[in-house]
Amino acid sequence: MIIEMVRDDCNDQRTLGTMTFPDGFSCHTLEDPVRDGPKVYGDTAIPSGSFKITISRSKKFNKLLPMIHAVPGFGGVRIHCGNNQERDTSGCILVGMERDASDGAYLQIRNSRDAMREVQPRISDVLDRGEEVWLDIITPRVTTEESFALAV
């Protein structure tokens, strides 16, 4: 299975996107900012590319969570619940069912647990069948004059 994640709204504080599964289910994503140059620990989105996903026990959360493998410059990258880039990401991908603009430009996502209740079983079911799961992360290229906020 290939899960597609398209980043559609990036700024210097956070990165928003949409994660879409082959069956049509989609949810919003929230990450640290996309940065050119070296990774900044706990404050950089993972690079665009294709990454294998498994499910394993997270030491931090003490539960089974999707893990993203072979991310250059990163270790222990997970998909998990959370609403706020500053407090919850640390280089991981947060999923939610809604975007919240109540913080102005510092958008958050909401209903994260609802999203994880959809995301994790889809990944588990495929892995349980002995198939692989991959995440394709796409960051559209834009010029500095263009807005990075594309219609969702």
Protein backbone atom coordinates (compact mmCIF):
# COMPACT_ATOMS: atom_id res chain seq x y z
CA MET A 1 0.00 0.00 0.00
CA ILE A 2 1.17 3.51 -0.77
CA ILE A 3 -0.10 6.38 1.36
CA GLU A 4 0.28 9.79 -0.24
CA MET A 5 0.97 12.87 1.86
CA VAL A 6 0.93 16.20 0.05
CA ARG A 7 2.17 19.26 1.89
CA ASP A 8 -0.02 22.20 0.88
CA ASP A 9 0.57 25.00 3.37
CA CYS A 10 4.09 25.65 4.65
CA ASN A 11 5.55 28.58 6.55
CA ASP A 12 8.52 29.14 8.83
CA GLN A 13 6.61 27.84 11.87
CA ARG A 14 4.81 24.71 10.63
CA THR A 15 3.84 22.52 7.67
CA LEU A 16 0.29 21.40 6.90
CA GLY A 17 -0.73 18.73 4.43
CA THR A 18 -3.19 16.00 3.57
CA MET A 19 -2.60 12.26 3.94
CA THR A 20 -4.63 10.10 1.55
CA PHE A 21 -5.06 6.33 1.60
CA PRO A 22 -5.82 4.12 -1.43
CA ASP A 23 -9.40 3.56 -0.19
CA GLY A 24 -10.06 7.32 -0.35
CA PHE A 25 -9.83 8.13 3.36
CA SER A 26 -7.90 11.33 4.00
CA CYS A 27 -6.91 13.39 7.00
CA HIS A 28 -4.86 16.50 7.69
CA THR A 29 -1.21 16.44 8.74
CA LEU A 30 0.89 18.82 10.79
CA GLU A 31 4.68 18.85 10.93
CA ASP A 32 7.58 21.06 11.83
CA PRO A 33 8.67 23.55 9.13
CA VAL A 34 10.26 22.34 5.90
CA ARG A 35 13.83 23.69 5.93
CA ASP A 36 16.56 23.93 3.34
CA GLY A 37 19.95 22.90 4.63
CA PRO A 38 20.78 20.87 7.70
CA LYS A 39 18.14 19.37 9.96
CA VAL A 40 17.36 21.25 13.14
CA TYR A 41 16.64 18.71 15.89
CA GLY A 42 12.97 18.73 16.89
CA ASP A 43 12.21 21.58 14.51
CA THR A 44 12.45 20.25 10.94
CA ALA A 45 9.94 18.36 8.78
CA ILE A 46 11.23 15.14 7.27
CA PRO A 47 12.30 15.48 3.62
CA SER A 48 10.10 14.64 0.66
CA GLY A 49 10.45 11.07 -0.55
CA SER A 50 9.18 7.52 -0.11
CA PHE A 51 9.52 5.89 3.29
CA LYS A 52 8.64 2.43 4.56
CA ILE A 53 6.20 2.28 7.47
CA THR A 54 5.90 -0.41 10.12
CA ILE A 55 4.15 -0.48 13.48
CA SER A 56 6.18 -0.89 16.63
CA ARG A 57 6.08 0.06 20.29
CA SER A 58 7.02 3.67 20.92
CA LYS A 59 9.21 4.09 23.99
CA LYS A 60 8.03 7.68 24.36
CA PHE A 61 4.29 6.90 24.19
CA ASN A 62 4.51 3.27 25.44
CA LYS A 63 2.10 2.01 22.78
CA LEU A 64 2.08 0.68 19.24
CA LEU A 65 2.39 3.45 16.63
CA PRO A 66 3.33 3.70 12.95
CA MET A 67 7.08 4.26 12.51
CA ILE A 68 8.63 5.89 9.44
CA HIS A 69 11.94 4.25 8.48
CA ALA A 70 15.19 5.45 6.91
CA VAL A 71 14.51 9.17 7.25
CA PRO A 72 17.83 10.97 6.63
CA GLY A 73 19.00 12.76 9.76
CA PHE A 74 16.08 11.51 11.86
CA GLY A 75 15.42 8.61 14.19
CA GLY A 76 12.24 7.36 15.84
CA VAL A 77 9.93 9.26 13.48
CA ARG A 78 6.29 8.32 14.08
CA ILE A 79 2.78 9.15 12.94
CA HIS A 80 0.80 9.99 16.06
CA CYS A 81 -1.82 12.15 17.76
CA GLY A 82 -1.23 15.80 18.49
CA ASN A 83 -2.66 19.19 17.67
CA ASN A 84 0.12 21.74 17.88
CA GLN A 85 3.44 21.82 16.01
CA GLU A 86 5.34 23.52 18.80
CA ARG A 87 4.26 21.14 21.58
CA ASP A 88 3.58 17.84 19.84
CA THR A 89 5.69 17.12 16.74
CA SER A 90 9.45 16.84 17.51
CA GLY A 91 10.01 15.83 13.88
CA CYS A 92 7.02 13.45 13.72
CA ILE A 93 3.84 13.67 11.63
CA LEU A 94 0.64 14.54 13.47
CA VAL A 95 -2.74 13.60 11.97
CA GLY A 96 -6.12 15.24 12.51
CA MET A 97 -9.58 15.47 11.00
CA GLU A 98 -9.82 19.30 10.91
CA ARG A 99 -7.64 22.36 10.60
CA ASP A 100 -8.10 25.06 13.22
CA ALA A 101 -7.43 28.69 12.31
CA SER A 102 -8.30 30.04 15.75
CA ASP A 103 -4.61 30.69 16.36
CA GLY A 104 -4.45 32.92 13.27
CA ALA A 105 -1.49 32.10 11.06
CA TYR A 106 -0.34 29.46 13.52
CA LEU A 107 -2.81 26.80 12.37
CA GLN A 108 -3.34 23.63 14.34
CA ILE A 109 -5.17 20.42 13.64
CA ARG A 110 -8.05 19.01 15.66
CA ASN A 111 -9.67 15.63 16.33
CA SER A 112 -6.33 13.90 16.21
CA ARG A 113 -7.47 10.79 18.07
CA ASP A 114 -10.31 10.36 15.57
CA ALA A 115 -7.77 10.49 12.74
CA MET A 116 -5.49 7.92 14.42
CA ARG A 117 -8.49 5.60 14.87
CA GLU A 118 -8.72 5.61 11.06
CA VAL A 119 -5.03 5.72 10.13
CA GLN A 120 -3.52 3.02 12.33
CA PRO A 121 -5.97 0.18 11.52
CA ARG A 122 -5.54 0.79 7.80
CA ILE A 123 -1.77 0.41 8.17
CA SER A 124 -2.07 -2.58 10.56
CA ASP A 125 -4.46 -4.46 8.26
CA VAL A 126 -2.04 -4.25 5.33
CA LEU A 127 0.98 -5.21 7.44
CA ASP A 128 -0.97 -8.13 8.97
CA ARG A 129 -1.52 -9.46 5.42
CA GLY A 130 2.27 -9.51 4.95
CA GLU A 131 2.28 -6.56 2.56
CA GLU A 132 4.46 -3.45 2.78
CA VAL A 133 3.27 0.06 3.56
CA TRP A 134 5.00 3.10 2.08
CA LEU A 135 4.47 6.81 2.67
CA ASP A 136 5.11 9.11 -0.30
CA ILE A 137 5.71 12.66 0.94
CA ILE A 138 5.28 15.35 -1.70
CA THR A 139 6.26 18.99 -1.22
CA PRO A 140 5.19 21.12 -4.20
CA ARG A 141 7.88 23.43 -5.54
CA VAL A 142 6.97 27.11 -5.61
CA THR A 143 8.89 30.31 -6.15
CA THR A 144 9.46 32.69 -3.26
CA GLU A 145 6.94 35.11 -4.80
CA GLU A 146 4.16 32.50 -4.82
CA SER A 147 1.96 31.67 -1.90
CA PHE A 148 2.53 28.18 -0.58
CA ALA A 149 -1.05 27.98 0.62
CA LEU A 150 -2.69 25.86 -2.07
CA ALA A 151 -6.37 25.03 -2.03
CA VAL A 152 -7.18 21.91 -0.08
